[in-house]
Amino acid sequence: MITDEVYSEITFDGAAHIPIATLPGMRDKTITIDSMGKTFSVTGWKVGWSIAPERLTLAIRAVHQFVTFTSSVPFQEALAEGLTLAETNGYYAELRAAYTARRDRLTAVLRGAGLAPMRAQGAYFLLTDTTAFGFPDDVAFCRHLCTEVGVAAIPTSVFYADPKLAPPLARFCFAKRDETIDAAATRLRKLRPLH
């Protein structure tokens, strides 16, 4: 099992992230990949790590020299210090509160546009069903949003090996400034459901 746990500290409504490697029988079968890019809003720093039993990290360690040659030591040290401080200075609570407010703001915007976002308990995305708008699939809906409405969303079918198996969902990001979310609200007024 390979897990991407970069959103582990971004949880809402009392939800707690449970690392897959901590589940019964999974420690010896899991490669956990994490970083501080999302948690500390420094995705460009490209500092992360993987944790796994030695036998599962052989390939990771073999390519390590070719993957991490551009990592900056000061960034690594800054994030190591950040990890230490975040545990004691309330950073994670502030992070969750800020993202909760943004999630709720974007939820209201999407509802105002006739969309029904699913309530997110982690990460910083909202999913919403696109069927009420009459587009043949999520890609057509998202393309219309970008070209005609001026709001970007990601069709979830791009995450499927067979896109035809994907439900018609669009993914909206709320890791944005309030002004950006408010601008999306104005633009989304152009969007109209079929009914």
Protein backbone atom coordinates (compact mmCIF):
# COMPACT_ATOMS: atom_id res chain seq x y z
CA MET A 1 0.00 0.00 0.00
CA ILE A 2 1.32 3.44 -0.92
CA THR A 3 -0.39 6.30 0.87
CA ASP A 4 -0.27 10.03 0.23
CA GLU A 5 -0.83 11.67 3.61
CA VAL A 6 0.12 15.27 2.83
CA TYR A 7 -3.21 16.56 4.17
CA SER A 8 -2.94 14.75 7.51
CA GLU A 9 -3.05 17.96 9.58
CA ILE A 10 -5.86 19.58 7.57
CA THR A 11 -8.97 18.06 9.13
CA PHE A 12 -12.34 19.49 10.14
CA ASP A 13 -15.31 18.99 12.43
CA GLY A 14 -13.38 16.90 14.93
CA ALA A 15 -12.26 14.38 12.30
CA ALA A 16 -8.83 12.87 12.90
CA HIS A 17 -6.45 11.58 10.28
CA ILE A 18 -5.70 7.88 10.76
CA PRO A 19 -2.48 6.79 9.05
CA ILE A 20 -3.06 3.54 7.18
CA ALA A 21 0.21 2.15 8.55
CA THR A 22 -1.29 2.31 12.07
CA LEU A 23 -4.15 -0.05 11.20
CA PRO A 24 -3.82 -3.71 12.23
CA GLY A 25 -1.48 -5.64 9.95
CA MET A 26 -0.62 -2.64 7.75
CA ARG A 27 2.67 -1.37 9.20
CA ASP A 28 4.78 -3.89 7.27
CA LYS A 29 2.77 -3.38 4.06
CA THR A 30 2.64 0.41 3.79
CA ILE A 31 4.79 3.14 2.31
CA THR A 32 3.63 6.45 3.78
CA ILE A 33 4.49 9.56 1.80
CA ASP A 34 4.16 12.94 3.45
CA SER A 35 5.46 16.49 3.20
CA MET A 36 5.00 19.87 4.80
CA GLY A 37 4.09 21.54 1.52
CA LYS A 38 0.35 21.62 2.15
CA THR A 39 0.47 22.06 5.93
CA PHE A 40 2.83 25.04 5.83
CA SER A 41 1.77 26.38 2.40
CA VAL A 42 5.23 25.84 0.92
CA THR A 43 4.56 23.40 -1.91
CA GLY A 44 7.37 24.93 -3.97
CA TRP A 45 9.94 23.91 -1.38
CA LYS A 46 9.54 20.23 -2.37
CA VAL A 47 10.50 18.82 1.02
CA GLY A 48 8.94 15.54 2.04
CA TRP A 49 9.62 12.06 3.29
CA SER A 50 8.54 8.48 3.12
CA ILE A 51 8.25 6.02 5.98
CA ALA A 52 8.18 2.26 5.43
CA PRO A 53 9.88 -0.97 6.35
CA GLU A 54 13.37 -1.19 4.88
CA ARG A 55 12.45 -3.88 2.35
CA LEU A 56 9.76 -1.59 0.88
CA THR A 57 12.07 1.40 0.58
CA LEU A 58 14.77 -0.25 -1.54
CA ALA A 59 13.48 1.32 -4.77
CA ILE A 60 12.86 4.67 -3.09
CA ARG A 61 16.40 4.77 -1.78
CA ALA A 62 17.78 3.69 -5.17
CA VAL A 63 16.26 6.70 -6.95
CA HIS A 64 16.76 9.12 -4.05
CA GLN A 65 19.92 10.64 -5.47
CA PHE A 66 18.12 11.50 -8.72
CA VAL A 67 14.95 12.89 -7.13
CA THR A 68 16.19 15.09 -4.32
CA PHE A 69 19.18 16.78 -5.91
CA THR A 70 17.39 20.16 -5.89
CA SER A 71 16.22 20.14 -2.25
CA SER A 72 17.50 23.11 -0.31
CA VAL A 73 19.07 22.35 3.06
CA PRO A 74 17.77 25.64 4.59
CA PHE A 75 14.22 24.62 3.59
CA GLN A 76 14.70 21.24 5.24
CA GLU A 77 15.97 22.82 8.43
CA ALA A 78 13.20 25.43 8.44
CA LEU A 79 10.52 22.77 8.13
CA ALA A 80 12.13 20.58 10.79
CA GLU A 81 11.96 23.57 13.12
CA GLY A 82 8.41 24.30 11.95
CA LEU A 83 7.31 20.76 12.78
CA THR A 84 8.70 21.14 16.28
CA LEU A 85 7.11 24.53 16.88
CA ALA A 86 3.73 23.65 15.34
CA GLU A 87 3.20 20.97 17.97
CA THR A 88 3.46 23.50 20.79
CA ASN A 89 2.31 26.90 19.52
CA GLY A 90 -1.24 26.16 18.32
CA TYR A 91 -0.37 26.28 14.63
CA TYR A 92 -2.46 23.24 13.68
CA ALA A 93 -5.55 24.59 15.45
CA GLU A 94 -5.14 27.93 13.64
CA LEU A 95 -4.64 26.13 10.32
CA ARG A 96 -7.81 24.08 10.80
CA ALA A 97 -9.83 27.13 11.86
CA ALA A 98 -8.70 29.14 8.82
CA TYR A 99 -9.46 26.33 6.40
CA THR A 100 -12.79 25.60 8.09
CA ALA A 101 -13.82 29.22 7.48
CA ARG A 102 -12.71 29.02 3.83
CA ARG A 103 -14.47 25.67 3.37
CA ASP A 104 -17.69 27.10 4.76
CA ARG A 105 -17.35 30.25 2.62
CA LEU A 106 -16.89 28.24 -0.59
CA THR A 107 -19.71 25.88 0.43
CA ALA A 108 -22.07 28.86 0.60
CA VAL A 109 -20.81 30.16 -2.76
CA LEU A 110 -21.34 26.80 -4.47
CA ARG A 111 -24.80 26.38 -2.97
CA GLY A 112 -25.66 29.86 -4.17
CA ALA A 113 -24.73 28.72 -7.69
CA GLY A 114 -27.07 25.72 -7.50
CA LEU A 115 -24.38 23.18 -6.66
CA ALA A 116 -24.55 20.81 -3.70
CA PRO A 117 -21.05 20.38 -2.28
CA MET A 118 -20.24 17.35 -0.17
CA ARG A 119 -18.99 18.27 3.29
CA ALA A 120 -15.22 17.83 3.47
CA GLN A 121 -13.63 16.54 6.66
CA GLY A 122 -10.09 16.74 5.37
CA ALA A 123 -7.82 18.32 2.72
CA TYR A 124 -8.92 21.57 1.07
CA PHE A 125 -11.26 20.52 -1.69
CA LEU A 126 -15.01 20.34 -2.09
CA LEU A 127 -16.65 17.87 -4.46
CA THR A 128 -19.96 18.62 -6.09
CA ASP A 129 -22.22 16.65 -8.41
CA THR A 130 -22.46 18.17 -11.89
CA THR A 131 -25.48 16.28 -13.28
CA ALA A 132 -28.03 19.04 -12.61
CA PHE A 133 -26.35 21.21 -15.25
CA GLY A 134 -26.91 18.88 -18.22
CA PHE A 135 -23.33 18.41 -19.36
CA PRO A 136 -22.41 14.98 -20.76
CA ASP A 137 -19.64 14.49 -18.18
CA ASP A 138 -17.53 16.19 -15.54
CA VAL A 139 -14.88 17.24 -18.09
CA ALA A 140 -17.42 19.15 -20.18
CA PHE A 141 -18.80 20.81 -17.05
CA CYS A 142 -15.33 21.89 -15.86
CA ARG A 143 -14.36 23.10 -19.33
CA HIS A 144 -17.53 25.23 -19.42
CA LEU A 145 -16.70 26.62 -15.98
CA CYS A 146 -13.22 27.66 -17.12
CA THR A 147 -14.08 29.06 -20.54
CA GLU A 148 -17.53 30.58 -19.98
CA VAL A 149 -17.75 31.30 -16.26
CA GLY A 150 -14.13 32.03 -15.35
CA VAL A 151 -13.88 29.59 -12.44
CA ALA A 152 -11.55 26.60 -12.39
CA ALA A 153 -12.56 23.17 -11.11
CA ILE A 154 -11.03 19.75 -11.71
CA PRO A 155 -13.10 16.89 -13.14
CA THR A 156 -12.59 13.92 -10.84
CA SER A 157 -12.54 11.52 -13.79
CA VAL A 158 -8.91 12.53 -14.39
CA PHE A 159 -8.02 10.55 -11.27
CA TYR A 160 -9.46 7.29 -12.63
CA ALA A 161 -7.66 4.70 -14.75
CA ASP A 162 -10.96 4.40 -16.63
CA PRO A 163 -12.60 7.86 -16.60
CA LYS A 164 -15.94 6.34 -17.62
CA LEU A 165 -16.18 4.77 -14.15
CA ALA A 166 -15.95 8.14 -12.40
CA PRO A 167 -19.02 9.76 -10.90
CA PRO A 168 -19.84 13.18 -12.41
CA LEU A 169 -18.08 15.27 -9.79
CA ALA A 170 -16.11 18.51 -9.94
CA ARG A 171 -13.42 19.36 -7.39
CA PHE A 172 -13.17 22.95 -6.14
CA CYS A 173 -10.22 24.17 -4.06
CA PHE A 174 -10.77 26.43 -1.06
CA ALA A 175 -7.09 27.07 -0.29
CA LYS A 176 -7.67 30.57 -1.63
CA ARG A 177 -7.90 34.10 -0.28
CA ASP A 178 -11.38 35.30 0.68
CA GLU A 179 -11.26 37.79 -2.21
CA THR A 180 -10.69 34.95 -4.67
CA ILE A 181 -13.62 32.95 -3.28
CA ASP A 182 -15.79 36.07 -3.43
CA ALA A 183 -14.78 36.67 -7.06
CA ALA A 184 -15.79 33.07 -7.82
CA ALA A 185 -19.20 33.79 -6.25
CA THR A 186 -19.74 36.70 -8.64
CA ARG A 187 -18.68 34.64 -11.66
CA LEU A 188 -20.71 31.58 -10.68
CA ARG A 189 -23.90 33.63 -10.98
CA LYS A 190 -23.63 32.87 -14.72
CA LEU A 191 -24.05 29.16 -13.99
CA ARG A 192 -27.59 27.81 -14.21
CA PRO A 193 -28.89 24.30 -13.45
CA LEU A 194 -31.31 22.73 -15.95
CA HIS A 195 -34.27 22.60 -13.56
